[in-house]
Amino acid sequence: MESSVIRDVGYDAAKSVLEIGFRNGSVYRYHLVPARVHRELMAADSLGRYLNGEIKPRFPGEAVE
């Protein structure tokens, strides 16, 4: 996984929760994310572009402290 913005990605299939860690240290959790969307994110040419275009507009997200 190469990204200039995203540090790491975690996915809990049982809860449909996607967690994104950013290189700036922040972490966001997105709920109700289907496994298909996680697979598409991991296969995307640009993780940041996919996150901004396909995940943020469609799935509720929250900052994790």
PDB file of N, CA and C in Angstrom:
ATOM      1  N   MET A   1       0.843  -1.176   0.000  1.00  0.00           N
ATOM      2  CA  MET A   1       0.000   0.000   0.000  1.00  0.00           C
ATOM      3  C   MET A   1       0.889   1.240   0.000  1.00  0.00           C
ATOM      4  N   GLU A   2       0.800   2.023  -1.021  1.00  0.00           N
ATOM      5  CA  GLU A   2       1.553   3.268  -1.138  1.00  0.00           C
ATOM      6  C   GLU A   2       0.586   4.443  -1.177  1.00  0.00           C
ATOM      7  N   SER A   3       0.796   5.403  -0.309  1.00  0.00           N
ATOM      8  CA  SER A   3      -0.016   6.613  -0.314  1.00  0.00           C
ATOM      9  C   SER A   3       0.767   7.728   0.348  1.00  0.00           C
ATOM     10  N   SER A   4       0.656   8.905  -0.210  1.00  0.00           N
ATOM     11  CA  SER A   4       1.341  10.049   0.385  1.00  0.00           C
ATOM     12  C   SER A   4       0.550  10.618   1.561  1.00  0.00           C
ATOM     13  N   VAL A   5      -0.709  10.229   1.702  1.00  0.00           N
ATOM     14  CA  VAL A   5      -1.581  10.774   2.740  1.00  0.00           C
ATOM     15  C   VAL A   5      -1.985   9.716   3.766  1.00  0.00           C
ATOM     16  N   ILE A   6      -2.272   8.502   3.304  1.00  0.00           N
ATOM     17  CA  ILE A   6      -2.772   7.439   4.174  1.00  0.00           C
ATOM     18  C   ILE A   6      -1.614   6.582   4.678  1.00  0.00           C
ATOM     19  N   ARG A   7      -1.555   6.403   5.992  1.00  0.00           N
ATOM     20  CA  ARG A   7      -0.503   5.607   6.636  1.00  0.00           C
ATOM     21  C   ARG A   7      -0.888   4.134   6.675  1.00  0.00           C
ATOM     22  N   ASP A   8      -2.133   3.863   7.111  1.00  0.00           N
ATOM     23  CA  ASP A   8      -2.585   2.472   7.193  1.00  0.00           C
ATOM     24  C   ASP A   8      -4.099   2.377   7.125  1.00  0.00           C
ATOM     25  N   VAL A   9      -4.562   1.165   6.824  1.00  0.00           N
ATOM     26  CA  VAL A   9      -5.984   0.893   6.668  1.00  0.00           C
ATOM     27  C   VAL A   9      -6.303  -0.376   7.442  1.00  0.00           C
ATOM     28  N   GLY A  10      -7.379  -0.328   8.218  1.00  0.00           N
ATOM     29  CA  GLY A  10      -7.869  -1.510   8.910  1.00  0.00           C
ATOM     30  C   GLY A  10      -9.334  -1.704   8.577  1.00  0.00           C
ATOM     31  N   TYR A  11      -9.768  -2.950   8.566  1.00  0.00           N
ATOM     32  CA  TYR A  11     -11.179  -3.225   8.256  1.00  0.00           C
ATOM     33  C   TYR A  11     -11.685  -4.352   9.131  1.00  0.00           C
ATOM     34  N   ASP A  12     -12.820  -4.134   9.779  1.00  0.00           N
ATOM     35  CA  ASP A  12     -13.491  -5.151  10.585  1.00  0.00           C
ATOM     36  C   ASP A  12     -14.732  -5.584   9.814  1.00  0.00           C
ATOM     37  N   ALA A  13     -14.642  -6.742   9.148  1.00  0.00           N
ATOM     38  CA  ALA A  13     -15.738  -7.217   8.305  1.00  0.00           C
ATOM     39  C   ALA A  13     -16.987  -7.533   9.122  1.00  0.00           C
ATOM     40  N   ALA A  14     -16.813  -8.030  10.341  1.00  0.00           N
ATOM     41  CA  ALA A  14     -17.967  -8.383  11.173  1.00  0.00           C
ATOM     42  C   ALA A  14     -18.797  -7.151  11.545  1.00  0.00           C
ATOM     43  N   LYS A  15     -18.125  -6.008  11.686  1.00  0.00           N
ATOM     44  CA  LYS A  15     -18.818  -4.772  12.072  1.00  0.00           C
ATOM     45  C   LYS A  15     -18.972  -3.793  10.907  1.00  0.00           C
ATOM     46  N   SER A  16     -18.396  -4.125   9.754  1.00  0.00           N
ATOM     47  CA  SER A  16     -18.406  -3.237   8.579  1.00  0.00           C
ATOM     48  C   SER A  16     -17.822  -1.864   8.907  1.00  0.00           C
ATOM     49  N   VAL A  17     -16.693  -1.880   9.609  1.00  0.00           N
ATOM     50  CA  VAL A  17     -16.032  -0.635  10.018  1.00  0.00           C
ATOM     51  C   VAL A  17     -14.665  -0.561   9.350  1.00  0.00           C
ATOM     52  N   LEU A  18     -14.436   0.563   8.697  1.00  0.00           N
ATOM     53  CA  LEU A  18     -13.167   0.841   8.035  1.00  0.00           C
ATOM     54  C   LEU A  18     -12.445   1.907   8.845  1.00  0.00           C
ATOM     55  N   GLU A  19     -11.181   1.664   9.166  1.00  0.00           N
ATOM     56  CA  GLU A  19     -10.399   2.637   9.909  1.00  0.00           C
ATOM     57  C   GLU A  19      -9.206   3.058   9.064  1.00  0.00           C
ATOM     58  N   ILE A  20      -9.042   4.361   8.932  1.00  0.00           N
ATOM     59  CA  ILE A  20      -7.971   4.933   8.117  1.00  0.00           C
ATOM     60  C   ILE A  20      -7.051   5.744   9.023  1.00  0.00           C
ATOM     61  N   GLY A  21      -5.763   5.407   9.003  1.00  0.00           N
ATOM     62  CA  GLY A  21      -4.762   6.194   9.711  1.00  0.00           C
ATOM     63  C   GLY A  21      -4.024   7.068   8.706  1.00  0.00           C
ATOM     64  N   PHE A  22      -3.922   8.332   9.018  1.00  0.00           N
ATOM     65  CA  PHE A  22      -3.281   9.282   8.111  1.00  0.00           C
ATOM     66  C   PHE A  22      -1.862   9.587   8.568  1.00  0.00           C
ATOM     67  N   ARG A  23      -1.033   9.984   7.640  1.00  0.00           N
ATOM     68  CA  ARG A  23       0.369  10.273   7.944  1.00  0.00           C
ATOM     69  C   ARG A  23       0.522  11.441   8.913  1.00  0.00           C
ATOM     70  N   ASN A  24      -0.485  12.302   8.999  1.00  0.00           N
ATOM     71  CA  ASN A  24      -0.418  13.430   9.941  1.00  0.00           C
ATOM     72  C   ASN A  24      -0.768  13.002  11.367  1.00  0.00           C
ATOM     73  N   GLY A  25      -1.089  11.703  11.563  1.00  0.00           N
ATOM     74  CA  GLY A  25      -1.371  11.194  12.902  1.00  0.00           C
ATOM     75  C   GLY A  25      -2.843  11.020  13.213  1.00  0.00           C
ATOM     76  N   SER A  26      -3.720  11.617  12.431  1.00  0.00           N
ATOM     77  CA  SER A  26      -5.151  11.474  12.704  1.00  0.00           C
ATOM     78  C   SER A  26      -5.654  10.107  12.231  1.00  0.00           C
ATOM     79  N   VAL A  27      -6.734   9.658  12.859  1.00  0.00           N
ATOM     80  CA  VAL A  27      -7.366   8.386  12.528  1.00  0.00           C
ATOM     81  C   VAL A  27      -8.860   8.625  12.400  1.00  0.00           C
ATOM     82  N   TYR A  28      -9.449   8.102  11.333  1.00  0.00           N
ATOM     83  CA  TYR A  28     -10.895   8.209  11.127  1.00  0.00           C
ATOM     84  C   TYR A  28     -11.493   6.835  10.972  1.00  0.00           C
ATOM     85  N   ARG A  29     -12.691   6.680  11.493  1.00  0.00           N
ATOM     86  CA  ARG A  29     -13.424   5.419  11.424  1.00  0.00           C
ATOM     87  C   ARG A  29     -14.704   5.664  10.633  1.00  0.00           C
ATOM     88  N   TYR A  30     -14.935   4.818   9.631  1.00  0.00           N
ATOM     89  CA  TYR A  30     -16.121   4.911   8.770  1.00  0.00           C
ATOM     90  C   TYR A  30     -16.984   3.676   8.990  1.00  0.00           C
ATOM     91  N   HIS A  31     -18.272   3.896   9.196  1.00  0.00           N
ATOM     92  CA  HIS A  31     -19.202   2.824   9.544  1.00  0.00           C
ATOM     93  C   HIS A  31     -20.047   2.402   8.344  1.00  0.00           C
ATOM     94  N   LEU A  32     -20.547   1.182   8.419  1.00  0.00           N
ATOM     95  CA  LEU A  32     -21.445   0.616   7.397  1.00  0.00           C
ATOM     96  C   LEU A  32     -20.760   0.446   6.043  1.00  0.00           C
ATOM     97  N   VAL A  33     -19.461   0.211   6.045  1.00  0.00           N
ATOM     98  CA  VAL A  33     -18.696   0.068   4.814  1.00  0.00           C
ATOM     99  C   VAL A  33     -18.686  -1.408   4.387  1.00  0.00           C
ATOM    100  N   PRO A  34     -19.232  -1.716   3.215  1.00  0.00           N
ATOM    101  CA  PRO A  34     -19.220  -3.107   2.750  1.00  0.00           C
ATOM    102  C   PRO A  34     -17.800  -3.592   2.424  1.00  0.00           C
ATOM    103  N   ALA A  35     -17.599  -4.892   2.510  1.00  0.00           N
ATOM    104  CA  ALA A  35     -16.290  -5.485   2.203  1.00  0.00           C
ATOM    105  C   ALA A  35     -15.850  -5.140   0.786  1.00  0.00           C
ATOM    106  N   ARG A  36     -16.790  -5.039  -0.139  1.00  0.00           N
ATOM    107  CA  ARG A  36     -16.472  -4.692  -1.527  1.00  0.00           C
ATOM    108  C   ARG A  36     -15.771  -3.335  -1.604  1.00  0.00           C
ATOM    109  N   VAL A  37     -16.239  -2.379  -0.827  1.00  0.00           N
ATOM    110  CA  VAL A  37     -15.649  -1.037  -0.838  1.00  0.00           C
ATOM    111  C   VAL A  37     -14.224  -1.086  -0.268  1.00  0.00           C
ATOM    112  N   HIS A  38     -14.012  -1.874   0.772  1.00  0.00           N
ATOM    113  CA  HIS A  38     -12.663  -2.038   1.313  1.00  0.00           C
ATOM    114  C   HIS A  38     -11.735  -2.641   0.260  1.00  0.00           C
ATOM    115  N   ARG A  39     -12.198  -3.666  -0.432  1.00  0.00           N
ATOM    116  CA  ARG A  39     -11.382  -4.294  -1.484  1.00  0.00           C
ATOM    117  C   ARG A  39     -11.067  -3.294  -2.593  1.00  0.00           C
ATOM    118  N   GLU A  40     -12.066  -2.515  -2.994  1.00  0.00           N
ATOM    119  CA  GLU A  40     -11.847  -1.519  -4.053  1.00  0.00           C
ATOM    120  C   GLU A  40     -10.849  -0.456  -3.595  1.00  0.00           C
ATOM    121  N   LEU A  41     -10.941  -0.035  -2.339  1.00  0.00           N
ATOM    122  CA  LEU A  41      -9.982   0.937  -1.802  1.00  0.00           C
ATOM    123  C   LEU A  41      -8.570   0.382  -1.896  1.00  0.00           C
ATOM    124  N   MET A  42      -8.379  -0.846  -1.458  1.00  0.00           N
ATOM    125  CA  MET A  42      -7.043  -1.433  -1.437  1.00  0.00           C
ATOM    126  C   MET A  42      -6.492  -1.671  -2.851  1.00  0.00           C
ATOM    127  N   ALA A  43      -7.372  -1.789  -3.830  1.00  0.00           N
ATOM    128  CA  ALA A  43      -6.951  -2.019  -5.216  1.00  0.00           C
ATOM    129  C   ALA A  43      -6.833  -0.718  -6.020  1.00  0.00           C
ATOM    130  N   ALA A  44      -7.249   0.393  -5.427  1.00  0.00           N
ATOM    131  CA  ALA A  44      -7.281   1.672  -6.156  1.00  0.00           C
ATOM    132  C   ALA A  44      -5.877   2.158  -6.491  1.00  0.00           C
ATOM    133  N   ASP A  45      -5.752   2.829  -7.640  1.00  0.00           N
ATOM    134  CA  ASP A  45      -4.480   3.441  -8.019  1.00  0.00           C
ATOM    135  C   ASP A  45      -4.086   4.534  -7.027  1.00  0.00           C
ATOM    136  N   SER A  46      -5.094   5.262  -6.532  1.00  0.00           N
ATOM    137  CA  SER A  46      -4.862   6.316  -5.545  1.00  0.00           C
ATOM    138  C   SER A  46      -5.815   6.103  -4.378  1.00  0.00           C
ATOM    139  N   LEU A  47      -5.261   5.726  -3.222  1.00  0.00           N
ATOM    140  CA  LEU A  47      -6.097   5.505  -2.052  1.00  0.00           C
ATOM    141  C   LEU A  47      -6.792   6.791  -1.619  1.00  0.00           C
ATOM    142  N   GLY A  48      -6.067   7.891  -1.628  1.00  0.00           N
ATOM    143  CA  GLY A  48      -6.650   9.176  -1.232  1.00  0.00           C
ATOM    144  C   GLY A  48      -7.791   9.602  -2.129  1.00  0.00           C
ATOM    145  N   ARG A  49      -7.624   9.431  -3.425  1.00  0.00           N
ATOM    146  CA  ARG A  49      -8.678   9.798  -4.372  1.00  0.00           C
ATOM    147  C   ARG A  49      -9.917   8.925  -4.170  1.00  0.00           C
ATOM    148  N   TYR A  50      -9.712   7.616  -3.965  1.00  0.00           N
ATOM    149  CA  TYR A  50     -10.839   6.717  -3.739  1.00  0.00           C
ATOM    150  C   TYR A  50     -11.541   7.075  -2.424  1.00  0.00           C
ATOM    151  N   LEU A  51     -10.768   7.332  -1.381  1.00  0.00           N
ATOM    152  CA  LEU A  51     -11.350   7.715  -0.093  1.00  0.00           C
ATOM    153  C   LEU A  51     -12.201   8.968  -0.231  1.00  0.00           C
ATOM    154  N   ASN A  52     -11.654   9.986  -0.877  1.00  0.00           N
ATOM    155  CA  ASN A  52     -12.380  11.257  -1.017  1.00  0.00           C
ATOM    156  C   ASN A  52     -13.586  11.166  -1.933  1.00  0.00           C
ATOM    157  N   GLY A  53     -13.497  10.342  -2.978  1.00  0.00           N
ATOM    158  CA  GLY A  53     -14.579  10.285  -3.961  1.00  0.00           C
ATOM    159  C   GLY A  53     -15.647   9.258  -3.675  1.00  0.00           C
ATOM    160  N   GLU A  54     -15.275   8.152  -3.020  1.00  0.00           N
ATOM    161  CA  GLU A  54     -16.210   7.036  -2.859  1.00  0.00           C
ATOM    162  C   GLU A  54     -16.612   6.744  -1.413  1.00  0.00           C
ATOM    163  N   ILE A  55     -15.759   7.055  -0.463  1.00  0.00           N
ATOM    164  CA  ILE A  55     -16.046   6.680   0.926  1.00  0.00           C
ATOM    165  C   ILE A  55     -16.576   7.860   1.734  1.00  0.00           C
ATOM    166  N   LYS A  56     -15.852   8.951   1.761  1.00  0.00           N
ATOM    167  CA  LYS A  56     -16.278  10.098   2.575  1.00  0.00           C
ATOM    168  C   LYS A  56     -17.692  10.585   2.252  1.00  0.00           C
ATOM    169  N   PRO A  57     -18.078  10.663   0.966  1.00  0.00           N
ATOM    170  CA  PRO A  57     -19.431  11.161   0.678  1.00  0.00           C
ATOM    171  C   PRO A  57     -20.551  10.173   1.024  1.00  0.00           C
ATOM    172  N   ARG A  58     -20.232   8.890   1.204  1.00  0.00           N
ATOM    173  CA  ARG A  58     -21.281   7.869   1.332  1.00  0.00           C
ATOM    174  C   ARG A  58     -21.402   7.227   2.693  1.00  0.00           C
ATOM    175  N   PHE A  59     -20.353   7.285   3.511  1.00  0.00           N
ATOM    176  CA  PHE A  59     -20.353   6.542   4.768  1.00  0.00           C
ATOM    177  C   PHE A  59     -20.074   7.471   5.936  1.00  0.00           C
ATOM    178  N   PRO A  60     -20.825   7.315   7.031  1.00  0.00           N
ATOM    179  CA  PRO A  60     -20.597   8.183   8.193  1.00  0.00           C
ATOM    180  C   PRO A  60     -19.207   7.933   8.771  1.00  0.00           C
ATOM    181  N   GLY A  61     -18.506   9.014   9.047  1.00  0.00           N
ATOM    182  CA  GLY A  61     -17.163   8.905   9.589  1.00  0.00           C
ATOM    183  C   GLY A  61     -17.017   9.717  10.857  1.00  0.00           C
ATOM    184  N   GLU A  62     -16.048   9.315  11.680  1.00  0.00           N
ATOM    185  CA  GLU A  62     -15.781  10.043  12.913  1.00  0.00           C
ATOM    186  C   GLU A  62     -14.287   9.991  13.210  1.00  0.00           C
ATOM    187  N   ALA A  63     -13.799  11.061  13.799  1.00  0.00           N
ATOM    188  CA  ALA A  63     -12.400  11.082  14.218  1.00  0.00           C
ATOM    189  C   ALA A  63     -12.250  10.200  15.448  1.00  0.00           C
ATOM    190  N   VAL A  64     -11.139   9.478  15.506  1.00  0.00           N
ATOM    191  CA  VAL A  64     -10.837   8.609  16.646  1.00  0.00           C
ATOM    192  C   VAL A  64      -9.765   9.304  17.468  1.00  0.00           C
ATOM    193  N   GLU A  65     -10.002   9.439  18.741  1.00  0.00           N
ATOM    194  CA  GLU A  65      -9.043  10.100  19.638  1.00  0.00           C
ATOM    195  C   GLU A  65      -7.942   9.152  20.022  1.00  0.00           C
TER     196      GLU A  65
END
